[in-house]
Each structure stands twice: as structure tokens, then as C-alpha cells.
Amino acid sequence: MAALLVAGLLSACSTVSAPPQVAQAPQPVPAPVAPLPGAQGPVKVAVLVPLSGQSAAIGQAMLDAAQMALFDMAGDQLQLLPRDTKGTPSGAADAARQALAEGARLIIGPLFAADVAAVRPIAQNAGVDVLAFTNDATQAGNGTYVLGFVPADQVSRVAGYARSRGATRFTVLAPRSPYGDAVVNALQAIGPRLGTMTTQVERYDPAVTDLSVPAKQVAQETPQPQAVMLAEGGQRAQGIAQALAANGVQPQQVKLLGTGLWDDTSQGALGQEPALVGALYAAPAPQTRARFESQFEQVYGRKPPRIATLAYDATSIAAVLTRSGGPVPFDRMAMTNPNGFEGLDGLFRLRTDGLVERGLAVMEITPTGSRVVDPAPPSFEMLGQ
């Protein structure tokens, strides 16, 4: 059996201490020689996050979540080496070099795709794998795992559920952006497997404020689609849904679908827009995450950002594999166990190509929040994968 992360058992969090001080950015150094299997002392794991600059608040929350996992699961077997990326590729590269020189056997982070791109070759040269927080799937591979919420799984899950309810004709509304490209490509790619057709693709400038034009294009489609995928979140999703309804696309006849961008309570209640009530999206089941968010707020006095769970789960992977006691704690066969792990964001597994598969629930928007209409699978066997 795969080792499961004991996520949600946060009783030790009240003992979390202040984060270690961040060292100054180092000069480039050669890749270190890996310690002998019999070396004593805790296993060192780098945590590369922005602790200064515009994204410092997010980076600090990611580090705080990692420390919660350390105290919950690792004891004295694991040592975190927090290093400040400064939110820049050069800062991330310097942070990686310093952590590797100090003996880091795994890198958790960085946060941004450009920073991951800067760290990847440095880590590869040192023979150290990376659990990155980005959702840019192009960064995956050669020992770098993309833990961020990639839209492909979300699109496949919610479109599959809509297909099970009779929808076969899909339209997608997406900005001209890399995220929009990913959503469009995912919906088109799964069509042959699901027996569905993407009959219309409407793209628009991501900076456009008048969303009535792409909405009118959808409304004029004949016959109307049975489902419309929106590659937007927050107020943008609300605006598009309102424009669709104003142009005759009624949610009673056409099911609106969304991505993980809707899985963020900080953006406000999407159900405040009547046209989005009944809309569906795929996301990790919320129960375990809710317990984590409550405990995080008790410990640190503030709410965590949505992606803080990634830092907790990444650190938990490191803790579980360290406890396994093998001579190489982060062996790739162990990291890519096909049975996967159970984390704050539910079932997930690291693939050999560096992408992460997740067992997602299907959520429905209601006027008072979101509710689960199709639970997340308990195992990857249940997904038939």
C-alpha cells in the first residue's frame, strides 16, 4: 500500500515556532556531493518562497503551512531550509544554490513559473527533485513536479460529469492567455474519450471589460450548446454569466461549467450572481482543507491563501518518505507510487512526467456557497486509472 499523508490531524500546530531567519542571497556554488546513506542527522529540505517583495505575504503563508506540516508529521527527522526567492528568477536560482550547498535533498517551491524554470537546471545538476507550486504544466518533467492546480484535470472531471447528465455539445469561453489556452486544449482533447464535441470556441482579450460581445457570439450559436465552459474566476466569471443570461443563454437550459479558479472563497460568493446558481466546477473536496484553514487562522491569526495547502502537502510528502527509512529518502519510485497520497486537497499522485493527478469532487454553486454533488473518488482504482 502507498503511504498516506495523515492530513487534517493538526493537533500539534499550536506548538509552531517562529520561522527561521532568511539568509542573505548567496554567490553561485558548485553542486554538492550527496551525503553517504549512513549520514546522521535530519534530512534537509529546501523551501523556496518569496519572503520579500510584492509576493512576500503569500510566500510567508506558504512557509507557515510547511512548518505546520513539519510539526504535525516529521518530528526531528526533517529539517526545513527556508530561503527567500525575492519573487524573481535570479533570486530563486540563488536560493536554490544556497540550499543545495547546505545539503538539501529535496526542493519545495518555488511559486512562480519563471522561478521554477530558473531552479530546474540547478536542481537537476545536483540530482535533487523539485515539488513546485506553479500550475504551469510546461515546467513539469526531469525531476520537477508541478503541484499547482492544473486546469486539465478540472476540465476533464467537470465535463465528464456534465456528459453523464446528458451534455454532448460544449462551448468554451476563454481569454487569450496561457490559462485560456490550457482550458480550451483540455476540453478539446477529452472530447473523443467522452463522446462530446466542442462546437464553438470564443476567445477574447483578457483585458476587455465589455463581456457582452463574446456572450452574444455564444447566444447566436444554433443549436445552443448544452454546456458552456468559462475559463475565468471571481468577478469575471460573474460578469460573463450575467452577460450570457442577458443575451438569452439561460442556466436552466445551458449548464455553465468552471475551473478551479472558482474554488477560492476570497473572491466572494459566486452564488451572488443568479446566473451562476446551479453552475458546476471540479475541485478538491473542501472538508479537510476547511479544518486546516481554521487551524492556520488559530495559529497565525490570519486566513491562509488558497494555495497554502500545496506547501503543507509537499512537506507532508517529504515527511512520509523520510520516515520510510530508505537510504535515498526521495527515491522517485516512492514519490511516484501509483496509489498516490491523501492530502489536504484530497487524493493525488505524482506522475513520472512531472504532472500531478488529483481525485476531484464536482461542486455546484448555490446562493449560500458551494456543495458537493459528486464526491471525490477514494482511490485511483475508482477512476479506472
Protein backbone atom coordinates (compact mmCIF):
# COMPACT_ATOMS: atom_id res chain seq x y z
CA MET A 1 0.00 0.00 0.00
CA ALA A 2 1.07 3.57 -0.58
CA ALA A 3 1.97 5.66 2.40
CA LEU A 4 -0.88 8.07 3.08
CA LEU A 5 -0.41 11.58 4.36
CA VAL A 6 -2.16 12.00 7.69
CA ALA A 7 -3.61 15.32 6.56
CA GLY A 8 -6.09 17.08 8.76
CA LEU A 9 -4.58 15.83 12.05
CA LEU A 10 -3.33 19.23 13.14
CA SER A 11 -3.23 18.87 16.91
CA ALA A 12 0.46 19.69 17.08
CA CYS A 13 0.06 23.01 15.28
CA SER A 14 -0.27 25.04 18.45
CA THR A 15 3.43 24.49 19.07
CA VAL A 16 4.61 26.03 15.79
CA SER A 17 7.51 28.38 16.42
CA ALA A 18 8.55 31.47 14.52
CA PRO A 19 10.03 30.84 11.07
CA PRO A 20 13.80 30.63 10.79
CA GLN A 21 15.59 33.80 9.70
CA VAL A 22 16.24 34.01 5.97
CA ALA A 23 19.88 34.08 4.99
CA GLN A 24 21.34 36.57 2.53
CA ALA A 25 21.38 35.61 -1.14
CA PRO A 26 24.49 33.53 -1.83
CA GLN A 27 27.04 33.51 -4.59
CA PRO A 28 26.87 30.63 -7.11
CA VAL A 29 28.42 27.45 -5.77
CA PRO A 30 29.10 24.01 -7.27
CA ALA A 31 26.55 21.27 -6.79
CA PRO A 32 27.22 19.42 -3.53
CA VAL A 33 28.22 15.82 -3.19
CA ALA A 34 25.31 13.80 -1.79
CA PRO A 35 25.90 12.60 1.78
CA LEU A 36 26.51 8.94 2.39
CA PRO A 37 23.43 6.79 3.14
CA GLY A 38 24.61 6.29 6.68
CA ALA A 39 24.96 10.01 7.44
CA GLN A 40 23.43 11.07 10.76
CA GLY A 41 21.07 13.96 11.42
CA PRO A 42 17.79 15.15 9.95
CA VAL A 43 17.12 15.15 6.23
CA LYS A 44 17.29 18.68 4.87
CA VAL A 45 14.58 20.01 2.57
CA ALA A 46 14.64 23.46 0.99
CA VAL A 47 11.53 25.65 0.95
CA LEU A 48 11.92 28.32 -1.74
CA VAL A 49 9.29 31.05 -1.47
CA PRO A 50 9.20 34.85 -1.82
CA LEU A 51 9.77 36.28 1.65
CA SER A 52 10.42 39.80 0.38
CA GLY A 53 9.00 41.81 -2.49
CA GLN A 54 5.41 42.06 -3.72
CA SER A 55 4.53 38.42 -3.01
CA ALA A 56 6.05 38.22 0.46
CA ALA A 57 2.69 37.74 2.18
CA ILE A 58 1.88 34.69 0.05
CA GLY A 59 5.38 33.32 0.46
CA GLN A 60 5.24 33.67 4.25
CA ALA A 61 1.90 31.86 4.34
CA MET A 62 3.37 29.03 2.26
CA LEU A 63 6.29 28.74 4.67
CA ASP A 64 3.93 28.81 7.65
CA ALA A 65 1.90 25.97 6.14
CA ALA A 66 5.09 23.98 5.52
CA GLN A 67 6.07 24.43 9.17
CA MET A 68 2.65 23.20 10.28
CA ALA A 69 3.24 20.01 8.31
CA LEU A 70 6.74 19.70 9.75
CA PHE A 71 5.44 19.80 13.32
CA ASP A 72 2.46 17.57 12.54
CA MET A 73 4.32 14.83 10.76
CA ALA A 74 8.10 14.96 10.80
CA GLY A 75 9.35 15.46 14.31
CA ASP A 76 13.12 15.81 14.30
CA GLN A 77 13.64 13.66 11.21
CA LEU A 78 13.24 16.54 8.78
CA GLN A 79 14.81 20.00 8.71
CA LEU A 80 13.38 22.77 6.55
CA LEU A 81 15.76 25.26 4.95
CA PRO A 82 13.59 28.31 4.13
CA ARG A 83 15.18 30.56 1.51
CA ASP A 84 13.89 33.80 0.03
CA THR A 85 13.43 33.79 -3.76
CA LYS A 86 12.54 37.52 -3.68
CA GLY A 87 9.90 36.67 -6.27
CA THR A 88 12.43 36.76 -9.10
CA PRO A 89 14.12 34.06 -11.21
CA SER A 90 17.60 35.21 -10.18
CA GLY A 91 16.58 35.23 -6.52
CA ALA A 92 15.13 31.74 -6.87
CA ALA A 93 18.32 30.48 -8.52
CA ASP A 94 20.48 31.93 -5.75
CA ALA A 95 18.20 30.47 -3.08
CA ALA A 96 18.42 27.03 -4.69
CA ARG A 97 22.21 27.15 -4.88
CA GLN A 98 22.49 28.10 -1.23
CA ALA A 99 20.10 25.38 -0.05
CA LEU A 100 21.83 22.73 -2.14
CA ALA A 101 25.22 23.80 -0.84
CA GLU A 102 23.86 23.28 2.67
CA GLY A 103 22.80 19.73 1.85
CA ALA A 104 19.15 19.99 0.77
CA ARG A 105 17.93 16.65 -0.62
CA LEU A 106 14.62 17.99 -1.97
CA ILE A 107 13.33 21.41 -3.04
CA ILE A 108 9.79 22.52 -2.19
CA GLY A 109 8.75 25.51 -4.32
CA PRO A 110 9.31 27.95 -5.92
CA LEU A 111 5.98 29.66 -6.51
CA PHE A 112 6.12 31.23 -9.98
CA ALA A 113 6.71 29.51 -13.32
CA ALA A 114 9.68 31.73 -14.24
CA ASP A 115 11.29 30.99 -10.87
CA VAL A 116 10.76 27.25 -11.37
CA ALA A 117 12.38 27.50 -14.80
CA ALA A 118 15.44 29.11 -13.19
CA VAL A 119 15.69 26.48 -10.45
CA ARG A 120 15.11 23.35 -12.57
CA PRO A 121 18.58 23.08 -14.22
CA ILE A 122 20.33 23.82 -10.91
CA ALA A 123 18.38 21.08 -9.15
CA GLN A 124 18.87 18.62 -12.00
CA ASN A 125 22.61 19.22 -11.93
CA ALA A 126 22.60 18.37 -8.22
CA GLY A 127 20.38 15.31 -8.69
CA VAL A 128 17.67 16.82 -6.47
CA ASP A 129 13.96 16.80 -7.29
CA VAL A 130 11.60 19.77 -7.09
CA LEU A 131 8.00 19.93 -5.80
CA ALA A 132 6.95 23.22 -7.40
CA PHE A 133 3.87 25.27 -6.58
CA THR A 134 3.28 26.58 -10.10
CA ASN A 135 0.33 25.41 -12.21
CA ASP A 136 2.33 25.79 -15.43
CA ALA A 137 2.39 22.25 -16.81
CA THR A 138 5.25 23.11 -19.19
CA GLN A 139 7.60 23.17 -16.18
CA ALA A 140 6.97 19.50 -15.38
CA GLY A 141 9.47 16.73 -16.03
CA ASN A 142 13.04 15.62 -15.36
CA GLY A 143 12.53 15.58 -11.62
CA THR A 144 10.31 18.67 -11.35
CA TYR A 145 6.73 18.00 -10.24
CA VAL A 146 4.04 20.63 -10.80
CA LEU A 147 1.83 20.61 -7.70
CA GLY A 148 -0.31 23.59 -8.69
CA PHE A 149 -3.90 23.10 -9.71
CA VAL A 150 -3.54 22.43 -13.43
CA PRO A 151 -6.82 23.04 -15.33
CA ALA A 152 -6.71 19.81 -17.37
CA ASP A 153 -7.87 17.57 -14.51
CA GLN A 154 -10.56 20.06 -13.51
CA VAL A 155 -11.91 20.40 -17.05
CA SER A 156 -11.93 16.64 -17.59
CA ARG A 157 -13.73 15.99 -14.30
CA VAL A 158 -16.49 18.57 -14.63
CA ALA A 159 -17.01 17.93 -18.34
CA GLY A 160 -17.24 14.20 -17.64
CA TYR A 161 -19.89 14.84 -15.02
CA ALA A 162 -21.84 17.07 -17.40
CA ARG A 163 -21.61 14.34 -20.03
CA SER A 164 -23.05 11.85 -17.56
CA ARG A 165 -26.02 14.20 -17.24
CA GLY A 166 -26.59 14.26 -20.99
CA ALA A 167 -24.49 17.15 -22.30
CA THR A 168 -22.66 16.40 -25.56
CA ARG A 169 -22.32 19.86 -27.20
CA PHE A 170 -19.85 22.14 -25.42
CA THR A 171 -18.79 25.74 -25.97
CA VAL A 172 -15.79 27.32 -24.28
CA LEU A 173 -15.32 30.99 -23.46
CA ALA A 174 -11.70 31.77 -22.65
CA PRO A 175 -9.32 34.74 -22.63
CA ARG A 176 -6.37 34.79 -25.00
CA SER A 177 -3.89 33.76 -22.33
CA PRO A 178 -1.87 30.68 -21.42
CA TYR A 179 -4.57 29.71 -18.92
CA GLY A 180 -7.26 30.12 -21.57
CA ASP A 181 -5.19 28.01 -23.96
CA ALA A 182 -4.92 25.25 -21.35
CA VAL A 183 -8.68 25.16 -20.76
CA VAL A 184 -9.52 25.13 -24.48
CA ASN A 185 -6.95 22.43 -25.23
CA ALA A 186 -8.15 20.28 -22.34
CA LEU A 187 -11.81 20.43 -23.37
CA GLN A 188 -11.00 19.60 -26.97
CA ALA A 189 -8.63 16.79 -26.01
CA ILE A 190 -11.14 14.89 -23.88
CA GLY A 191 -13.92 15.03 -26.48
CA PRO A 192 -13.13 11.69 -28.18
CA ARG A 193 -12.97 9.91 -24.81
CA LEU A 194 -16.20 11.39 -23.52
CA GLY A 195 -18.10 11.31 -26.79
CA THR A 196 -18.56 15.09 -26.78
CA MET A 197 -17.97 17.91 -29.26
CA THR A 198 -16.59 21.38 -28.68
CA THR A 199 -18.85 23.13 -31.17
CA GLN A 200 -17.67 26.68 -30.52
CA VAL A 201 -14.61 28.40 -29.08
CA GLU A 202 -14.85 32.09 -28.23
CA ARG A 203 -11.62 33.87 -27.31
CA TYR A 204 -11.25 37.47 -26.17
CA ASP A 205 -8.66 39.91 -24.91
CA PRO A 206 -8.05 39.19 -21.20
CA ALA A 207 -8.17 42.95 -20.52
CA VAL A 208 -11.57 43.50 -22.16
CA THR A 209 -14.20 44.96 -19.83
CA ASP A 210 -17.25 44.56 -22.08
CA LEU A 211 -18.04 40.86 -21.95
CA SER A 212 -21.26 41.18 -23.92
CA VAL A 213 -19.56 40.64 -27.28
CA PRO A 214 -18.28 37.07 -26.64
CA ALA A 215 -21.55 36.34 -24.81
CA LYS A 216 -23.56 37.38 -27.88
CA GLN A 217 -21.48 35.06 -30.05
CA VAL A 218 -22.39 32.14 -27.81
CA ALA A 219 -26.06 33.15 -27.74
CA GLN A 220 -26.19 33.18 -31.54
CA GLU A 221 -24.92 29.62 -31.86
CA THR A 222 -27.51 27.28 -33.40
CA PRO A 223 -28.38 24.97 -31.85
CA GLN A 224 -27.37 26.35 -28.49
CA PRO A 225 -24.70 24.40 -26.61
CA GLN A 226 -25.72 22.19 -23.73
CA ALA A 227 -22.78 23.33 -21.61
CA VAL A 228 -20.50 26.38 -21.61
CA MET A 229 -17.05 26.24 -20.03
CA LEU A 230 -15.83 29.54 -18.55
CA ALA A 231 -12.07 29.96 -18.11
CA GLU A 232 -12.47 32.81 -15.61
CA GLY A 233 -12.94 33.18 -11.89
CA GLY A 234 -14.31 35.71 -9.42
CA GLN A 235 -16.00 38.82 -10.74
CA ARG A 236 -15.03 38.00 -14.31
CA ALA A 237 -16.96 34.73 -14.13
CA GLN A 238 -19.91 36.56 -12.63
CA GLY A 239 -19.80 39.16 -15.40
CA ILE A 240 -19.70 36.57 -18.19
CA ALA A 241 -22.54 34.58 -16.65
CA GLN A 242 -24.62 37.76 -16.36
CA ALA A 243 -23.86 38.69 -20.00
CA LEU A 244 -24.80 35.20 -21.20
CA ALA A 245 -28.13 35.35 -19.37
CA ALA A 246 -28.84 38.83 -20.71
CA ASN A 247 -28.33 37.52 -24.23
CA GLY A 248 -30.67 34.57 -23.85
CA VAL A 249 -28.38 31.79 -22.63
CA GLN A 250 -30.43 30.58 -19.66
CA PRO A 251 -28.84 28.41 -16.98
CA GLN A 252 -31.99 26.28 -16.89
CA GLN A 253 -31.22 25.06 -20.42
CA VAL A 254 -27.44 25.56 -20.71
CA LYS A 255 -25.21 24.32 -17.88
CA LEU A 256 -22.34 26.66 -17.01
CA LEU A 257 -19.07 24.97 -16.08
CA GLY A 258 -15.99 26.39 -14.40
CA THR A 259 -12.46 25.51 -13.34
CA GLY A 260 -10.53 25.59 -10.10
CA LEU A 261 -10.48 29.39 -10.33
CA TRP A 262 -13.93 29.16 -8.73
CA ASP A 263 -12.51 27.29 -5.74
CA ASP A 264 -11.44 30.38 -3.83
CA THR A 265 -13.70 31.87 -1.18
CA SER A 266 -11.55 35.00 -1.05
CA GLN A 267 -13.10 36.05 -4.36
CA GLY A 268 -16.54 36.31 -2.77
CA ALA A 269 -19.59 34.13 -3.17
CA LEU A 270 -20.10 33.35 -6.85
CA GLY A 271 -23.68 32.42 -6.00
CA GLN A 272 -24.44 36.12 -5.51
CA GLU A 273 -24.81 36.17 -9.30
CA PRO A 274 -28.14 34.42 -10.05
CA ALA A 275 -26.92 33.29 -13.47
CA LEU A 276 -24.21 31.20 -11.77
CA VAL A 277 -26.54 29.38 -9.37
CA GLY A 278 -26.51 25.74 -10.43
CA ALA A 279 -23.19 26.07 -12.27
CA LEU A 280 -20.63 23.29 -11.77
CA TYR A 281 -16.90 23.10 -11.26
CA ALA A 282 -14.37 20.47 -10.16
CA ALA A 283 -12.18 20.97 -7.11
CA PRO A 284 -10.69 19.10 -4.17
CA ALA A 285 -13.28 18.13 -1.57
CA PRO A 286 -13.44 21.03 0.90
CA GLN A 287 -13.81 19.32 4.30
CA THR A 288 -10.17 18.59 5.17
CA ARG A 289 -8.99 21.92 3.81
CA ALA A 290 -11.56 23.73 5.96
CA ARG A 291 -10.07 22.17 9.11
CA PHE A 292 -6.58 23.22 8.02
CA GLU A 293 -7.71 26.79 7.30
CA SER A 294 -9.35 27.04 10.72
CA GLN A 295 -6.21 25.75 12.47
CA PHE A 296 -3.95 28.03 10.40
CA GLU A 297 -6.02 31.04 11.46
CA GLN A 298 -5.84 29.98 15.11
CA VAL A 299 -2.06 29.63 14.96
CA TYR A 300 -1.11 32.61 12.82
CA GLY A 301 -4.05 34.98 13.29
CA ARG A 302 -4.88 35.30 9.61
CA LYS A 303 -6.54 33.31 6.88
CA PRO A 304 -4.24 31.36 4.54
CA PRO A 305 -4.30 31.87 0.77
CA ARG A 306 -5.94 29.06 -1.17
CA ILE A 307 -2.63 27.61 -2.36
CA ALA A 308 -1.16 27.27 1.15
CA THR A 309 -2.36 23.66 1.16
CA LEU A 310 0.21 22.89 -1.52
CA ALA A 311 3.04 23.74 0.87
CA TYR A 312 1.51 21.59 3.60
CA ASP A 313 1.06 18.61 1.29
CA ALA A 314 4.53 18.93 -0.25
CA THR A 315 6.14 18.99 3.18
CA SER A 316 3.99 16.04 4.22
CA ILE A 317 5.28 14.03 1.25
CA ALA A 318 8.82 14.78 2.39
CA ALA A 319 7.96 13.71 5.95
CA VAL A 320 6.30 10.45 4.89
CA LEU A 321 9.16 9.46 2.59
CA THR A 322 11.77 10.39 5.20
CA ARG A 323 10.05 8.16 7.74
CA SER A 324 10.23 5.25 5.30
CA GLY A 325 13.88 4.90 6.30
CA GLY A 326 15.37 4.09 2.90
CA PRO A 327 18.95 5.07 2.02
CA VAL A 328 17.57 7.52 -0.55
CA PRO A 329 14.55 9.17 1.12
CA PHE A 330 13.22 10.84 -2.01
CA ASP A 331 13.55 7.93 -4.38
CA ARG A 332 11.47 8.58 -7.49
CA MET A 333 9.80 5.18 -7.37
CA ALA A 334 8.47 6.06 -3.92
CA MET A 335 7.48 9.57 -4.94
CA THR A 336 5.57 8.31 -7.97
CA ASN A 337 3.77 5.47 -6.19
CA PRO A 338 0.71 4.83 -8.41
CA ASN A 339 -1.56 4.54 -5.38
CA GLY A 340 -0.78 8.14 -4.55
CA PHE A 341 -1.16 10.13 -1.35
CA GLU A 342 -4.01 11.61 0.63
CA GLY A 343 -3.50 15.28 1.45
CA LEU A 344 -5.36 18.41 2.42
CA ASP A 345 -6.56 18.66 -1.17
CA GLY A 346 -7.61 15.03 -1.29
CA LEU A 347 -6.22 12.16 -3.30
CA PHE A 348 -3.27 12.93 -5.58
CA ARG A 349 -0.29 11.24 -7.15
CA LEU A 350 2.92 12.38 -8.78
CA ARG A 351 3.37 11.06 -12.31
CA THR A 352 6.68 10.17 -13.85
CA ASP A 353 6.24 13.02 -16.36
CA GLY A 354 6.12 15.53 -13.51
CA LEU A 355 2.40 16.24 -13.65
CA VAL A 356 0.08 15.62 -10.72
CA GLU A 357 -3.24 13.78 -10.96
CA ARG A 358 -5.92 14.65 -8.45
CA GLY A 359 -9.12 12.98 -7.37
CA LEU A 360 -11.60 15.85 -7.56
CA ALA A 361 -15.16 16.38 -6.41
CA VAL A 362 -17.79 18.10 -8.55
CA MET A 363 -19.19 21.19 -6.84
CA GLU A 364 -22.39 23.09 -7.52
CA ILE A 365 -22.78 26.80 -6.82
CA THR A 366 -25.72 27.73 -4.60
CA PRO A 367 -26.81 31.14 -3.29
CA THR A 368 -25.12 30.38 0.04
CA GLY A 369 -21.91 28.73 -1.18
CA SER A 370 -20.85 25.54 -2.94
CA ARG A 371 -21.97 22.00 -2.27
CA VAL A 372 -20.62 18.64 -3.36
CA VAL A 373 -22.82 16.94 -5.97
CA ASP A 374 -20.40 14.16 -6.89
CA PRO A 375 -17.80 13.14 -4.28
CA ALA A 376 -14.11 12.77 -4.98
CA PRO A 377 -13.06 9.15 -5.64
CA PRO A 378 -11.49 7.32 -2.69
CA SER A 379 -8.77 5.75 -4.86
CA PHE A 380 -7.29 5.95 -8.32
CA GLU A 381 -8.70 2.49 -9.00
CA MET A 382 -12.15 4.06 -8.74
CA LEU A 383 -11.11 6.42 -11.53
CA GLY A 384 -10.17 3.47 -13.70
CA GLN A 385 -6.61 4.73 -13.98
